[in-house]
Amino acid sequence: MTRKSKRRSSVLEIGTGLTKVRIYTIHRKDGYDQFTLAWKEGGIRKTRSLASMAEARMIAQQTTVRLINGGCVTDEATKRDIELLRHCERAAKEFGITLSAAIDEWTSARKAAGDVSLSEALRFYQANRRDILATRTIAQVAEEFVESRRASGVGATHVKNSKLNLKRFTGHVKGNIGDVTVADVNGFLRTQKLSPVSLNGIRASIVGMFGFAKRQGYLHPDRKTAAELSESFRVPDAQISIYTPDEMGGMLLAAKARHLPFLAIGAFAGIRSAEIHRLHWEDIKWDRGHIEIAGRKAKTAARRLVPLPDNLKAWLAPWREQIGLIIESEDKSGALNDLAVKAQVPGGWRQNALRHSFISYRVAETGDVARTALEAGNSPQMIFRHYREVVTEDAAKVWFSITPPDGWLPSELKWSIRERQRKISCRQENHPCVDSANGAQP
């Protein structure tokens, strides 16, 4: 007796004649239906079993079409292929186009991009779109940049120089900042009949303005600005000059009270002249042994601590209890030159010689260029190139041992102390005092 494991219950025919495909539905004992396709191809009967009627109908239709066209046997689409096709159709529909239109557009873009990926090409396009950038004229950006410098708390001199430098530039180059080319910047700088140092200063202001424009969204964020790509000017190595210990000591003893803190701090701490004018007496940490230069007061915008040597403490001792700005008003170079002449310094006042002297003597004293560079707020390369003068270790010891004589005080301070003592004495004796300066009673 033959055992029957499955039973046909229905037959579905797709196509006609020689292209007919039959689908047999078979109920298996395990409870699952099986759908078997049967057709003739090349005189040979072929079958294929599937678990889904929908998939069986799809394969039957594909087979019928292939038999009608007389095509050879090819890979048939699976259910997963159909699902993928429908997914792509839905994705294209979100943009209101058909799948075939989406493929045509992709093919065209792919050919135009060449070896560049479409995502990379898109990023480049977005970075270089002119319509997404805010339009600003050079004059407008210059004004905004100067105001941002002022608001950031940088020194008044820096703000003033930036304003003057950019006024030169905006008077020569017009239009929107996004249209400025490297040639425009180079052409402007070459028309300025100034020294390389001055030209580099103007260029630095222009570079700062263009960097500000980029951060504000006025220029492309991923592209170097025309100012950054412009040419800088080589500054010839200049012969620096320093003071000898005898010259420095003579100037300190001859200095008026309003000049002495500037001289002493520049000579024995090496702080830049512009930075000294921003310092307060409270920045001198007497007990900790250093001078604190906050970032907002430093040229490099980086906080640093400068050692406070004993001889500098001695020269500044009369002002130890003082508060407020160390330099309340800026003296013209003529007053300092008069001081140098009075102290019989050959050649008079020497520009930047205080800082040059400190760095040269400090390197000789410590033998450590990196340490001196950190204290002075410079790079070691800058120290070697511009500031370092060869001096002996013995000369350095003499330099940092220059101290005021016993009982020394600038003449103005001596008068002030005597007058204060006189008034105290008068009050203690309980009788009115006459101001020795103008004859008036206090």
Protein backbone atom coordinates (compact mmCIF):
# COMPACT_ATOMS: atom_id res chain seq x y z
CA MET A 1 0.00 0.00 0.00
CA THR A 2 1.29 3.41 -1.03
CA ARG A 3 1.47 6.06 1.72
CA LYS A 4 0.18 9.48 0.72
CA SER A 5 1.98 12.38 2.47
CA LYS A 6 0.31 15.24 0.65
CA ARG A 7 -2.83 15.96 -1.35
CA ARG A 8 -3.55 18.41 -4.18
CA SER A 9 -6.59 20.54 -3.58
CA SER A 10 -6.59 23.09 -6.43
CA VAL A 11 -4.82 24.10 -9.60
CA LEU A 12 -4.28 27.64 -10.91
CA GLU A 13 -3.16 28.19 -14.51
CA ILE A 14 -1.12 31.22 -15.69
CA GLY A 15 -0.73 31.77 -19.47
CA THR A 16 -1.96 29.62 -22.33
CA GLY A 17 -0.71 26.91 -24.65
CA LEU A 18 3.02 26.26 -24.60
CA THR A 19 3.54 29.17 -22.17
CA LYS A 20 1.09 27.83 -19.61
CA VAL A 21 2.30 27.51 -16.00
CA ARG A 22 0.21 25.55 -13.47
CA ILE A 23 0.25 26.26 -9.73
CA TYR A 24 -0.73 23.29 -7.55
CA THR A 25 -1.78 23.93 -3.97
CA ILE A 26 -0.82 21.00 -1.74
CA HIS A 27 -1.99 20.63 1.88
CA ARG A 28 0.74 18.96 3.88
CA LYS A 29 0.19 16.93 7.03
CA ASP A 30 2.30 19.37 9.06
CA GLY A 31 -0.40 22.02 8.45
CA TYR A 32 1.61 24.19 6.03
CA ASP A 33 0.54 24.63 2.39
CA GLN A 34 2.97 24.14 -0.45
CA PHE A 35 2.61 25.77 -3.88
CA THR A 36 4.21 23.92 -6.74
CA LEU A 37 4.74 25.41 -10.21
CA ALA A 38 4.84 23.11 -13.23
CA TRP A 39 5.59 24.01 -16.88
CA LYS A 40 7.32 22.69 -19.97
CA GLU A 41 10.45 24.31 -21.34
CA GLY A 42 12.34 22.88 -24.30
CA GLY A 43 10.21 19.74 -24.15
CA ILE A 44 11.19 19.09 -20.55
CA ARG A 45 8.78 19.29 -17.64
CA LYS A 46 10.02 21.55 -14.84
CA THR A 47 8.71 22.21 -11.35
CA ARG A 48 9.41 24.57 -8.47
CA SER A 49 7.89 24.61 -4.97
CA LEU A 50 7.30 27.75 -2.93
CA ALA A 51 5.76 28.51 0.46
CA SER A 52 3.75 31.58 -0.58
CA MET A 53 0.94 31.83 -3.16
CA ALA A 54 1.87 35.49 -3.84
CA GLU A 55 5.47 34.54 -4.60
CA ALA A 56 4.28 31.55 -6.66
CA ARG A 57 2.02 33.78 -8.78
CA MET A 58 4.85 36.29 -9.31
CA ILE A 59 7.30 33.59 -10.43
CA ALA A 60 4.65 32.02 -12.65
CA GLN A 61 3.98 35.35 -14.39
CA GLN A 62 7.72 35.96 -14.90
CA THR A 63 8.13 32.47 -16.34
CA THR A 64 5.18 32.94 -18.71
CA VAL A 65 6.58 36.25 -20.01
CA ARG A 66 9.98 34.68 -20.51
CA LEU A 67 8.49 31.75 -22.41
CA ILE A 68 6.45 34.12 -24.62
CA ASN A 69 9.58 36.15 -25.44
CA GLY A 70 11.55 33.02 -26.10
CA GLY A 71 14.30 34.28 -23.74
CA CYS A 72 16.90 32.14 -22.13
CA VAL A 73 16.81 31.18 -18.51
CA THR A 74 17.81 34.14 -16.29
CA ASP A 75 17.84 34.90 -12.59
CA GLU A 76 14.28 35.36 -11.37
CA ALA A 77 13.31 38.15 -8.99
CA THR A 78 12.85 37.02 -5.44
CA LYS A 79 10.46 38.36 -2.82
CA ARG A 80 13.34 40.35 -1.30
CA ASP A 81 14.01 41.91 -4.73
CA ILE A 82 10.39 43.03 -4.93
CA GLU A 83 10.50 44.48 -1.40
CA LEU A 84 13.68 46.40 -2.25
CA LEU A 85 12.07 47.75 -5.41
CA ARG A 86 9.04 48.97 -3.48
CA HIS A 87 11.30 50.60 -0.86
CA CYS A 88 13.11 52.56 -3.58
CA GLU A 89 9.83 53.63 -5.11
CA ARG A 90 8.63 54.96 -1.74
CA ALA A 91 11.92 56.87 -1.23
CA ALA A 92 11.62 58.53 -4.64
CA LYS A 93 7.97 59.35 -4.01
CA GLU A 94 8.94 61.49 -0.97
CA PHE A 95 10.53 63.95 -3.44
CA GLY A 96 7.60 63.79 -5.85
CA ILE A 97 9.42 61.85 -8.59
CA THR A 98 9.29 58.33 -9.94
CA LEU A 99 11.97 55.75 -9.33
CA SER A 100 13.10 55.88 -12.95
CA ALA A 101 13.41 59.72 -12.75
CA ALA A 102 15.46 59.38 -9.55
CA ILE A 103 17.81 56.91 -11.25
CA ASP A 104 18.18 59.23 -14.25
CA GLU A 105 19.07 62.15 -11.96
CA TRP A 106 21.55 60.09 -9.96
CA THR A 107 23.21 58.83 -13.14
CA SER A 108 23.59 62.38 -14.46
CA ALA A 109 25.08 63.60 -11.15
CA ARG A 110 27.40 60.63 -10.94
CA LYS A 111 28.77 61.34 -14.41
CA ALA A 112 29.27 65.03 -13.62
CA ALA A 113 31.08 64.30 -10.34
CA GLY A 114 33.63 62.04 -12.00
CA ASP A 115 35.93 60.45 -9.43
CA VAL A 116 34.55 62.56 -6.59
CA SER A 117 31.87 61.01 -4.39
CA LEU A 118 28.47 62.70 -4.49
CA SER A 119 28.59 63.41 -0.74
CA GLU A 120 31.98 65.10 -1.11
CA ALA A 121 30.75 67.09 -4.08
CA LEU A 122 27.73 68.20 -2.04
CA ARG A 123 29.90 69.34 0.88
CA PHE A 124 32.06 71.37 -1.50
CA TYR A 125 28.97 72.94 -3.06
CA GLN A 126 27.51 73.91 0.31
CA ALA A 127 30.83 75.41 1.45
CA ASN A 128 31.06 77.51 -1.72
CA ARG A 129 27.49 78.68 -2.15
CA ARG A 130 27.48 82.45 -2.30
CA ASP A 131 23.77 82.74 -1.58
CA ILE A 132 24.09 81.26 1.95
CA LEU A 133 26.66 83.87 3.06
CA ALA A 134 25.61 87.13 4.65
CA THR A 135 26.57 90.09 2.46
CA ARG A 136 28.79 92.70 4.13
CA THR A 137 30.94 95.44 2.69
CA ILE A 138 34.57 95.68 3.75
CA ALA A 139 33.85 98.94 5.57
CA GLN A 140 30.99 97.36 7.52
CA VAL A 141 33.10 94.39 8.61
CA ALA A 142 36.00 96.68 9.58
CA GLU A 143 33.69 98.69 11.83
CA GLU A 144 32.24 95.54 13.42
CA PHE A 145 35.71 94.07 13.95
CA VAL A 146 37.09 97.18 15.66
CA GLU A 147 34.05 97.30 17.92
CA SER A 148 34.53 93.61 18.79
CA ARG A 149 38.16 94.34 19.71
CA ARG A 150 37.05 97.18 21.96
CA ALA A 151 34.39 95.01 23.61
CA SER A 152 36.85 92.17 24.21
CA GLY A 153 38.87 94.36 26.55
CA VAL A 154 42.12 94.61 24.60
CA GLY A 155 44.24 97.71 25.11
CA ALA A 156 43.22 101.06 23.72
CA THR A 157 46.42 101.23 21.69
CA HIS A 158 45.61 97.94 19.97
CA VAL A 159 42.09 99.14 19.14
CA LYS A 160 43.44 102.45 17.83
CA ASN A 161 46.05 100.75 15.63
CA SER A 162 43.47 98.29 14.25
CA LYS A 163 41.14 101.15 13.38
CA LEU A 164 43.85 103.16 11.61
CA ASN A 165 45.22 100.14 9.71
CA LEU A 166 41.78 99.09 8.49
CA LYS A 167 40.91 102.67 7.54
CA ARG A 168 43.86 102.57 5.16
CA PHE A 169 42.65 99.27 3.72
CA THR A 170 38.98 100.20 3.28
CA GLY A 171 40.04 103.47 1.65
CA HIS A 172 41.89 101.48 -1.00
CA VAL A 173 39.78 98.31 -1.46
CA LYS A 174 36.01 98.62 -1.91
CA GLY A 175 33.04 96.28 -2.28
CA ASN A 176 31.85 93.18 -0.43
CA ILE A 177 34.33 91.30 1.71
CA GLY A 178 33.46 88.05 -0.05
CA ASP A 179 34.73 89.51 -3.33
CA VAL A 180 38.18 90.52 -2.05
CA THR A 181 40.99 88.50 -3.64
CA VAL A 182 44.54 87.76 -2.59
CA ALA A 183 45.70 90.08 -5.37
CA ASP A 184 43.62 92.90 -3.86
CA VAL A 185 45.31 92.53 -0.46
CA ASN A 186 48.81 92.18 -1.91
CA GLY A 187 48.24 95.13 -4.22
CA PHE A 188 47.14 97.36 -1.34
CA LEU A 189 50.11 96.41 0.85
CA ARG A 190 52.59 97.12 -1.95
CA THR A 191 51.24 100.66 -2.37
CA GLN A 192 52.03 101.54 1.24
CA LYS A 193 55.41 103.24 1.56
CA LEU A 194 56.18 101.86 5.01
CA SER A 195 58.76 99.67 6.71
CA PRO A 196 58.36 95.86 6.68
CA VAL A 197 57.47 95.94 10.38
CA SER A 198 54.68 98.48 9.77
CA LEU A 199 53.40 96.56 6.72
CA ASN A 200 53.25 93.34 8.73
CA GLY A 201 51.33 95.21 11.41
CA ILE A 202 48.75 96.39 8.86
CA ARG A 203 48.53 92.91 7.38
CA ALA A 204 47.93 91.46 10.87
CA SER A 205 44.95 93.78 11.30
CA ILE A 206 43.54 92.72 7.91
CA VAL A 207 44.04 89.02 8.73
CA GLY A 208 42.27 89.57 12.06
CA MET A 209 39.34 91.27 10.34
CA PHE A 210 38.96 88.47 7.77
CA GLY A 211 39.13 85.84 10.51
CA PHE A 212 36.36 87.72 12.33
CA ALA A 213 34.31 87.77 9.10
CA LYS A 214 34.69 84.01 8.74
CA ARG A 215 33.51 83.42 12.32
CA GLN A 216 30.52 85.69 11.70
CA GLY A 217 29.47 83.70 8.63
CA TYR A 218 30.39 86.38 6.10
CA LEU A 219 33.03 84.16 4.46
CA HIS A 220 33.30 80.47 3.66
CA PRO A 221 34.01 78.53 6.86
CA ASP A 222 36.27 75.89 5.29
CA ARG A 223 38.40 78.09 3.06
CA LYS A 224 41.46 80.19 3.85
CA THR A 225 40.75 83.89 3.53
CA ALA A 226 42.37 86.19 1.01
CA ALA A 227 44.18 87.93 3.88
CA GLU A 228 45.65 84.66 5.20
CA LEU A 229 46.96 83.82 1.74
CA SER A 230 48.49 87.27 1.22
CA GLU A 231 52.24 87.81 1.42
CA SER A 232 54.03 88.91 4.56
CA PHE A 233 57.17 91.04 4.57
CA ARG A 234 60.59 89.91 5.68
CA VAL A 235 61.99 92.06 8.44
CA PRO A 236 65.78 92.45 8.29
CA ASP A 237 67.58 91.45 11.46
CA ALA A 238 68.28 94.70 13.29
CA GLN A 239 71.20 95.33 15.59
CA ILE A 240 69.72 95.49 19.08
CA SER A 241 71.13 97.68 21.80
CA ILE A 242 71.18 97.20 25.56
CA TYR A 243 72.18 99.24 28.58
CA THR A 244 75.20 98.52 30.71
CA PRO A 245 74.69 98.15 34.48
CA ASP A 246 76.35 101.56 35.02
CA GLU A 247 74.03 103.24 32.49
CA MET A 248 70.96 101.66 34.03
CA GLY A 249 71.97 102.58 37.56
CA GLY A 250 72.59 106.17 36.51
CA MET A 251 69.15 106.51 34.88
CA LEU A 252 67.37 105.04 37.90
CA LEU A 253 69.05 107.49 40.29
CA ALA A 254 68.35 110.41 37.96
CA ALA A 255 64.72 109.43 37.26
CA LYS A 256 61.73 111.34 38.54
CA ALA A 257 59.19 109.45 40.59
CA ARG A 258 56.74 109.13 37.69
CA HIS A 259 59.43 107.52 35.47
CA LEU A 260 61.12 105.19 37.92
CA PRO A 261 58.55 102.31 38.11
CA PHE A 262 58.49 102.15 34.30
CA LEU A 263 62.30 101.97 34.14
CA ALA A 264 62.70 99.43 36.93
CA ILE A 265 59.95 97.05 35.76
CA GLY A 266 61.18 97.18 32.15
CA ALA A 267 64.81 96.61 33.13
CA PHE A 268 64.46 93.91 35.79
CA ALA A 269 61.21 92.14 34.74
CA GLY A 270 61.40 92.62 30.97
CA ILE A 271 57.71 93.45 30.65
CA ARG A 272 56.72 95.19 27.41
CA SER A 273 56.11 98.93 27.59
CA ALA A 274 52.47 98.59 26.50
CA GLU A 275 51.90 95.88 29.12
CA ILE A 276 53.43 98.04 31.90
CA HIS A 277 50.90 100.77 31.06
CA ARG A 278 48.07 98.27 31.67
CA LEU A 279 49.40 97.00 35.01
CA HIS A 280 48.05 97.96 38.43
CA TRP A 281 50.05 97.99 41.64
CA GLU A 282 47.79 95.17 42.80
CA ASP A 283 49.30 92.96 40.04
CA ILE A 284 52.61 92.97 41.90
CA LYS A 285 52.43 90.03 44.30
CA TRP A 286 55.10 91.16 46.75
CA ASP A 287 54.94 88.17 49.08
CA ARG A 288 54.65 85.59 46.31
CA GLY A 289 57.61 87.00 44.42
CA HIS A 290 56.06 87.59 40.99
CA ILE A 291 54.15 90.04 38.83
CA GLU A 292 50.91 88.68 37.37
CA ILE A 293 50.07 89.74 33.83
CA ALA A 294 46.46 88.81 33.10
CA GLY A 295 45.55 87.63 29.62
CA ARG A 296 43.62 90.82 28.88
CA LYS A 297 46.73 92.87 29.66
CA ALA A 298 49.26 90.72 27.80
CA LYS A 299 50.19 91.25 24.16
CA THR A 300 49.79 87.51 23.51
CA ALA A 301 46.45 87.38 25.42
CA ALA A 302 47.96 84.60 27.57
CA ARG A 303 48.34 85.01 31.34
CA ARG A 304 51.90 84.75 32.63
CA LEU A 305 53.80 85.20 35.88
CA VAL A 306 57.03 87.21 35.77
CA PRO A 307 59.59 86.77 38.59
CA LEU A 308 59.97 89.73 40.96
CA PRO A 309 63.70 89.90 41.76
CA ASP A 310 64.91 91.40 45.02
CA ASN A 311 66.51 94.44 43.39
CA LEU A 312 63.21 95.30 41.64
CA LYS A 313 61.41 95.03 44.98
CA ALA A 314 63.91 97.50 46.42
CA TRP A 315 63.36 100.08 43.66
CA LEU A 316 59.58 99.77 43.94
CA ALA A 317 59.45 99.68 47.77
CA PRO A 318 58.24 103.32 48.12
CA TRP A 319 55.06 102.34 46.25
CA ARG A 320 54.37 99.07 48.08
CA GLU A 321 51.09 100.30 49.59
CA GLN A 322 50.02 102.06 46.39
CA ILE A 323 46.90 100.96 44.44
CA GLY A 324 45.61 101.73 40.95
CA LEU A 325 47.47 102.03 37.66
CA ILE A 326 51.25 101.92 37.91
CA ILE A 327 51.59 104.42 35.03
CA GLU A 328 48.75 106.95 35.18
CA SER A 329 49.81 108.94 32.11
CA GLU A 330 52.03 108.04 29.17
CA ASP A 331 55.25 110.04 28.85
CA LYS A 332 56.48 111.00 25.41
CA SER A 333 59.81 109.62 24.25
CA GLY A 334 61.28 113.12 24.60
CA ALA A 335 60.99 112.97 28.40
CA LEU A 336 62.80 109.63 28.52
CA ASN A 337 65.47 110.90 26.18
CA ASP A 338 65.99 113.91 28.47
CA LEU A 339 66.43 111.45 31.34
CA ALA A 340 69.04 109.45 29.41
CA VAL A 341 70.93 112.64 28.54
CA LYS A 342 70.80 113.74 32.18
CA ALA A 343 72.26 110.37 33.22
CA GLN A 344 74.97 110.83 30.53
CA VAL A 345 73.95 107.70 28.57
CA PRO A 346 75.83 107.75 25.22
CA GLY A 347 73.39 108.24 22.34
CA GLY A 348 70.48 109.00 24.67
CA TRP A 349 67.38 106.85 25.05
CA ARG A 350 67.45 103.51 23.19
CA GLN A 351 64.17 102.17 21.87
CA ASN A 352 63.18 98.81 23.44
CA ALA A 353 66.56 98.60 25.17
CA LEU A 354 64.97 97.89 28.57
CA ARG A 355 63.39 94.66 27.34
CA HIS A 356 66.45 93.77 25.23
CA SER A 357 68.64 94.24 28.29
CA PHE A 358 66.48 92.13 30.58
CA ILE A 359 66.31 89.20 28.15
CA SER A 360 70.03 89.29 27.41
CA TYR A 361 71.07 89.46 31.07
CA ARG A 362 68.42 86.91 32.13
CA VAL A 363 69.62 84.34 29.56
CA ALA A 364 73.19 84.87 30.75
CA GLU A 365 72.11 84.50 34.38
CA THR A 366 70.01 81.32 33.97
CA GLY A 367 71.53 79.78 30.85
CA ASP A 368 67.95 78.78 29.99
CA VAL A 369 66.47 80.35 26.83
CA ALA A 370 63.15 78.47 27.14
CA ARG A 371 62.63 79.70 30.71
CA THR A 372 63.46 83.28 29.76
CA ALA A 373 61.10 83.06 26.76
CA LEU A 374 58.27 81.92 29.04
CA GLU A 375 58.91 84.78 31.49
CA ALA A 376 59.11 87.35 28.68
CA GLY A 377 56.07 86.05 26.78
CA ASN A 378 58.04 85.10 23.65
CA SER A 379 59.07 81.96 21.82
CA PRO A 380 62.67 80.70 22.16
CA GLN A 381 63.09 81.25 18.40
CA MET A 382 62.09 84.91 18.82
CA ILE A 383 64.56 85.30 21.69
CA PHE A 384 67.41 83.98 19.58
CA ARG A 385 66.44 86.00 16.52
CA HIS A 386 65.59 89.43 17.89
CA TYR A 387 66.45 89.97 21.54
CA ARG A 388 69.39 87.99 22.77
CA GLU A 389 72.64 89.96 23.05
CA VAL A 390 75.76 88.14 24.20
CA VAL A 391 76.66 89.25 27.74
CA THR A 392 78.71 87.51 30.41
CA GLU A 393 77.36 85.76 33.46
CA ASP A 394 79.30 88.21 35.68
CA ALA A 395 77.65 91.17 33.94
CA ALA A 396 74.25 89.54 34.52
CA LYS A 397 74.97 89.21 38.25
CA VAL A 398 75.85 92.90 38.40
CA TRP A 399 72.68 93.83 36.47
CA PHE A 400 70.33 92.04 38.87
CA SER A 401 72.18 93.43 41.90
CA ILE A 402 71.60 97.08 40.95
CA THR A 403 69.87 98.43 44.06
CA PRO A 404 69.15 101.91 45.42
CA PRO A 405 71.60 103.40 47.94
CA ASP A 406 70.61 103.50 51.60
CA GLY A 407 68.12 106.25 52.29
CA TRP A 408 67.44 106.82 48.61
CA LEU A 409 64.15 108.28 47.41
CA PRO A 410 63.21 110.28 44.29
CA SER A 411 63.16 114.00 45.12
CA GLU A 412 59.38 114.25 44.73
CA LEU A 413 58.83 111.44 47.21
CA LYS A 414 61.28 112.96 49.68
CA TRP A 415 59.36 116.25 49.60
CA SER A 416 56.05 114.44 49.94
CA ILE A 417 57.27 112.47 52.98
CA ARG A 418 58.74 115.55 54.67
CA GLU A 419 55.53 117.49 54.09
CA ARG A 420 53.41 114.66 55.46
CA GLN A 421 55.62 114.41 58.56
CA ARG A 422 55.46 118.17 59.06
CA LYS A 423 51.66 118.16 58.96
CA ILE A 424 51.48 115.26 61.41
CA SER A 425 53.77 117.17 63.76
CA CYS A 426 51.60 120.28 63.52
CA ARG A 427 48.48 118.32 64.39
CA GLN A 428 50.20 116.70 67.34
CA GLU A 429 51.23 120.15 68.64
CA ASN A 430 47.63 121.33 68.11
CA HIS A 431 48.33 124.44 66.06
CA PRO A 432 47.60 125.34 62.41
CA CYS A 433 50.21 124.61 59.75
CA VAL A 434 50.99 126.63 56.66
CA ASP A 435 51.35 124.72 53.36
CA SER A 436 54.97 125.24 52.39
CA ALA A 437 54.11 125.05 48.71
CA ASN A 438 51.62 127.91 48.47
CA GLY A 439 51.46 129.45 51.93
CA ALA A 440 47.88 128.24 52.55
CA GLN A 441 46.71 126.57 55.72
CA PRO A 442 45.74 122.88 55.31
